[in-house]
Amino acid sequence: MTTTDEIVRSRYVSLTTYRKDGTPVTTPVWHVPHEAALWIVTEAGSGKVKRIRNNPRVLVAPCSLRGTVAPDAPTATGTAQLLDEAGTAQARKLLARRYVMSRAGNWFARLVRLRRPPMIGIVVSF
């Protein structure tokens, strides 16, 4: 099994983005493998989106729910790209298929008419 295969099979990945000064910032995220890339959805105003706009280079590793990366975990360097509105909608559908909690959260938000922050999709290519 290749490094990328191990990362794709994991339930959560640790996405490392880089500040302007080069400092790494790691965040655990849900992901969906699609078209030889990882698709991720996050809030449009989040720090990781701002960092990706400045520097699209990212590091990805499998992690736990809390973001703990095992010392011997495989890592892969990739390039992140922010998606447009149509791409984000597709990423949200893919994520909802894989994660039950995503579907439940979306359903609940519609039920009680919660105002949710704008979302944006991210595609990480290796």
C-alpha atoms as a PDB file:
ATOM      1  CA  MET A   1       0.000   0.000   0.000  1.00  0.00           C
ATOM      2  CA  THR A   2       1.352   3.422  -0.934  1.00  0.00           C
ATOM      3  CA  THR A   3       1.554   6.405   1.380  1.00  0.00           C
ATOM      4  CA  THR A   4      -1.281   8.141  -0.443  1.00  0.00           C
ATOM      5  CA  ASP A   5      -3.474   5.023  -0.141  1.00  0.00           C
ATOM      6  CA  GLU A   6      -2.977   4.954   3.634  1.00  0.00           C
ATOM      7  CA  ILE A   7      -3.894   8.616   3.929  1.00  0.00           C
ATOM      8  CA  VAL A   8      -6.983   8.215   1.730  1.00  0.00           C
ATOM      9  CA  ARG A   9      -8.231   5.220   3.767  1.00  0.00           C
ATOM     10  CA  SER A  10      -8.020   7.099   7.076  1.00  0.00           C
ATOM     11  CA  ARG A  11     -11.162   8.541   8.648  1.00  0.00           C
ATOM     12  CA  TYR A  12      -9.538  11.897   9.482  1.00  0.00           C
ATOM     13  CA  VAL A  13      -6.499  13.686   8.151  1.00  0.00           C
ATOM     14  CA  SER A  14      -4.255  16.279   9.665  1.00  0.00           C
ATOM     15  CA  LEU A  15      -4.010  19.177   7.217  1.00  0.00           C
ATOM     16  CA  THR A  16      -0.933  21.337   7.752  1.00  0.00           C
ATOM     17  CA  THR A  17      -0.951  24.781   6.176  1.00  0.00           C
ATOM     18  CA  TYR A  18       1.746  27.425   6.488  1.00  0.00           C
ATOM     19  CA  ARG A  19       1.660  31.014   7.700  1.00  0.00           C
ATOM     20  CA  LYS A  20       3.449  33.772   5.781  1.00  0.00           C
ATOM     21  CA  ASP A  21       6.494  33.346   8.034  1.00  0.00           C
ATOM     22  CA  GLY A  22       6.563  29.573   7.332  1.00  0.00           C
ATOM     23  CA  THR A  23       5.148  28.446  10.686  1.00  0.00           C
ATOM     24  CA  PRO A  24       3.088  25.264  10.227  1.00  0.00           C
ATOM     25  CA  VAL A  25      -0.498  25.146  11.518  1.00  0.00           C
ATOM     26  CA  THR A  26      -2.122  21.712  11.769  1.00  0.00           C
ATOM     27  CA  THR A  27      -5.881  21.057  11.759  1.00  0.00           C
ATOM     28  CA  PRO A  28      -7.772  17.732  11.760  1.00  0.00           C
ATOM     29  CA  VAL A  29     -10.378  17.607   8.987  1.00  0.00           C
ATOM     30  CA  TRP A  30     -12.827  15.247   7.329  1.00  0.00           C
ATOM     31  CA  HIS A  31     -11.946  14.371   3.767  1.00  0.00           C
ATOM     32  CA  VAL A  32     -13.281  12.486   0.778  1.00  0.00           C
ATOM     33  CA  PRO A  33     -11.049  10.855  -1.832  1.00  0.00           C
ATOM     34  CA  HIS A  34     -12.332  11.818  -5.286  1.00  0.00           C
ATOM     35  CA  GLU A  35     -10.601  11.996  -8.684  1.00  0.00           C
ATOM     36  CA  ALA A  36      -7.121  11.190  -7.275  1.00  0.00           C
ATOM     37  CA  ALA A  37      -7.334  14.029  -4.741  1.00  0.00           C
ATOM     38  CA  LEU A  38      -8.682  14.756  -1.257  1.00  0.00           C
ATOM     39  CA  TRP A  39     -11.764  16.952  -1.071  1.00  0.00           C
ATOM     40  CA  ILE A  40     -12.348  18.957   2.118  1.00  0.00           C
ATOM     41  CA  VAL A  41     -15.007  21.489   3.165  1.00  0.00           C
ATOM     42  CA  THR A  42     -14.458  24.241   5.723  1.00  0.00           C
ATOM     43  CA  GLU A  43     -15.722  27.696   6.659  1.00  0.00           C
ATOM     44  CA  ALA A  44     -14.757  30.299   4.069  1.00  0.00           C
ATOM     45  CA  GLY A  45     -13.385  32.663   6.724  1.00  0.00           C
ATOM     46  CA  SER A  46     -11.223  30.090   8.498  1.00  0.00           C
ATOM     47  CA  GLY A  47      -7.507  30.521   9.008  1.00  0.00           C
ATOM     48  CA  LYS A  48      -6.627  27.550   6.827  1.00  0.00           C
ATOM     49  CA  VAL A  49      -8.379  29.164   3.854  1.00  0.00           C
ATOM     50  CA  LYS A  50      -6.455  32.402   4.350  1.00  0.00           C
ATOM     51  CA  ARG A  51      -3.178  30.471   4.619  1.00  0.00           C
ATOM     52  CA  ILE A  52      -3.939  28.433   1.479  1.00  0.00           C
ATOM     53  CA  ARG A  53      -4.568  31.655  -0.453  1.00  0.00           C
ATOM     54  CA  ASN A  54      -1.063  32.812   0.519  1.00  0.00           C
ATOM     55  CA  ASN A  55       0.681  29.436   0.124  1.00  0.00           C
ATOM     56  CA  PRO A  56      -1.031  26.439  -1.522  1.00  0.00           C
ATOM     57  CA  ARG A  57       1.597  23.951  -0.268  1.00  0.00           C
ATOM     58  CA  VAL A  58       0.156  21.596   2.388  1.00  0.00           C
ATOM     59  CA  LEU A  59       1.190  18.493   4.307  1.00  0.00           C
ATOM     60  CA  VAL A  60      -1.342  15.719   4.940  1.00  0.00           C
ATOM     61  CA  ALA A  61      -1.140  12.801   7.396  1.00  0.00           C
ATOM     62  CA  PRO A  62      -3.704  10.379   8.841  1.00  0.00           C
ATOM     63  CA  CYS A  63      -4.757  11.317  12.361  1.00  0.00           C
ATOM     64  CA  SER A  64      -7.249  10.621  15.132  1.00  0.00           C
ATOM     65  CA  LEU A  65     -10.472  12.513  15.802  1.00  0.00           C
ATOM     66  CA  ARG A  66      -8.508  14.892  18.046  1.00  0.00           C
ATOM     67  CA  GLY A  67      -5.798  15.470  15.437  1.00  0.00           C
ATOM     68  CA  THR A  68      -3.143  13.253  17.014  1.00  0.00           C
ATOM     69  CA  VAL A  69      -0.742  11.986  14.382  1.00  0.00           C
ATOM     70  CA  ALA A  70       1.096   8.743  15.156  1.00  0.00           C
ATOM     71  CA  PRO A  71       4.905   9.067  15.143  1.00  0.00           C
ATOM     72  CA  ASP A  72       5.227   6.537  12.305  1.00  0.00           C
ATOM     73  CA  ALA A  73       2.278   7.877  10.275  1.00  0.00           C
ATOM     74  CA  PRO A  74       2.850   8.408   6.557  1.00  0.00           C
ATOM     75  CA  THR A  75       2.794  11.984   5.290  1.00  0.00           C
ATOM     76  CA  ALA A  76       2.331  13.443   1.831  1.00  0.00           C
ATOM     77  CA  THR A  77       3.052  16.902   0.502  1.00  0.00           C
ATOM     78  CA  GLY A  78       0.400  18.315  -1.777  1.00  0.00           C
ATOM     79  CA  THR A  79      -1.006  21.426  -3.359  1.00  0.00           C
ATOM     80  CA  ALA A  80      -4.323  22.842  -2.167  1.00  0.00           C
ATOM     81  CA  GLN A  81      -6.786  24.616  -4.408  1.00  0.00           C
ATOM     82  CA  LEU A  82      -9.891  26.505  -3.283  1.00  0.00           C
ATOM     83  CA  LEU A  83     -13.082  25.609  -5.129  1.00  0.00           C
ATOM     84  CA  ASP A  84     -15.754  27.824  -6.611  1.00  0.00           C
ATOM     85  CA  GLU A  85     -19.406  27.647  -5.566  1.00  0.00           C
ATOM     86  CA  ALA A  86     -20.255  24.668  -7.813  1.00  0.00           C
ATOM     87  CA  GLY A  87     -17.162  22.761  -6.701  1.00  0.00           C
ATOM     88  CA  THR A  88     -17.968  23.471  -3.057  1.00  0.00           C
ATOM     89  CA  ALA A  89     -21.507  22.130  -3.535  1.00  0.00           C
ATOM     90  CA  GLN A  90     -20.078  18.952  -5.033  1.00  0.00           C
ATOM     91  CA  ALA A  91     -17.580  18.610  -2.180  1.00  0.00           C
ATOM     92  CA  ARG A  92     -20.366  19.013   0.386  1.00  0.00           C
ATOM     93  CA  LYS A  93     -22.402  16.255  -1.300  1.00  0.00           C
ATOM     94  CA  LEU A  94     -19.406  13.926  -1.341  1.00  0.00           C
ATOM     95  CA  LEU A  95     -18.666  14.654   2.322  1.00  0.00           C
ATOM     96  CA  ALA A  96     -22.290  14.062   3.324  1.00  0.00           C
ATOM     97  CA  ARG A  97     -22.187  10.649   1.639  1.00  0.00           C
ATOM     98  CA  ARG A  98     -19.145   9.580   3.639  1.00  0.00           C
ATOM     99  CA  TYR A  99     -19.897  11.091   7.063  1.00  0.00           C
ATOM    100  CA  VAL A 100     -23.243  10.544   8.794  1.00  0.00           C
ATOM    101  CA  MET A 101     -22.605  13.434  11.197  1.00  0.00           C
ATOM    102  CA  SER A 102     -22.322  15.805   8.250  1.00  0.00           C
ATOM    103  CA  ARG A 103     -25.737  14.732   7.011  1.00  0.00           C
ATOM    104  CA  ALA A 104     -27.190  15.011  10.521  1.00  0.00           C
ATOM    105  CA  GLY A 105     -25.716  18.488  11.029  1.00  0.00           C
ATOM    106  CA  ASN A 106     -26.997  19.713   7.671  1.00  0.00           C
ATOM    107  CA  TRP A 107     -30.454  18.281   8.353  1.00  0.00           C
ATOM    108  CA  PHE A 108     -30.610  19.861  11.820  1.00  0.00           C
ATOM    109  CA  ALA A 109     -29.486  23.262  10.510  1.00  0.00           C
ATOM    110  CA  ARG A 110     -32.241  23.206   7.879  1.00  0.00           C
ATOM    111  CA  LEU A 111     -34.817  22.029  10.422  1.00  0.00           C
ATOM    112  CA  VAL A 112     -34.220  24.874  12.878  1.00  0.00           C
ATOM    113  CA  ARG A 113     -33.217  27.339  10.152  1.00  0.00           C
ATOM    114  CA  LEU A 114     -29.792  28.058  11.566  1.00  0.00           C
ATOM    115  CA  ARG A 115     -27.752  30.702   9.830  1.00  0.00           C
ATOM    116  CA  ARG A 116     -24.530  29.011   8.887  1.00  0.00           C
ATOM    117  CA  PRO A 117     -21.305  30.688   7.828  1.00  0.00           C
ATOM    118  CA  PRO A 118     -20.347  30.437   4.154  1.00  0.00           C
ATOM    119  CA  MET A 119     -18.427  27.270   3.299  1.00  0.00           C
ATOM    120  CA  ILE A 120     -15.684  26.622   0.758  1.00  0.00           C
ATOM    121  CA  GLY A 121     -14.276  23.450  -0.725  1.00  0.00           C
ATOM    122  CA  ILE A 122     -10.587  22.588  -0.846  1.00  0.00           C
ATOM    123  CA  VAL A 123      -8.993  20.023  -3.163  1.00  0.00           C
ATOM    124  CA  VAL A 124      -5.577  18.659  -2.204  1.00  0.00           C
ATOM    125  CA  SER A 125      -3.655  17.105  -5.086  1.00  0.00           C
ATOM    126  CA  PHE A 126      -0.547  15.003  -4.570  1.00  0.00           C
END
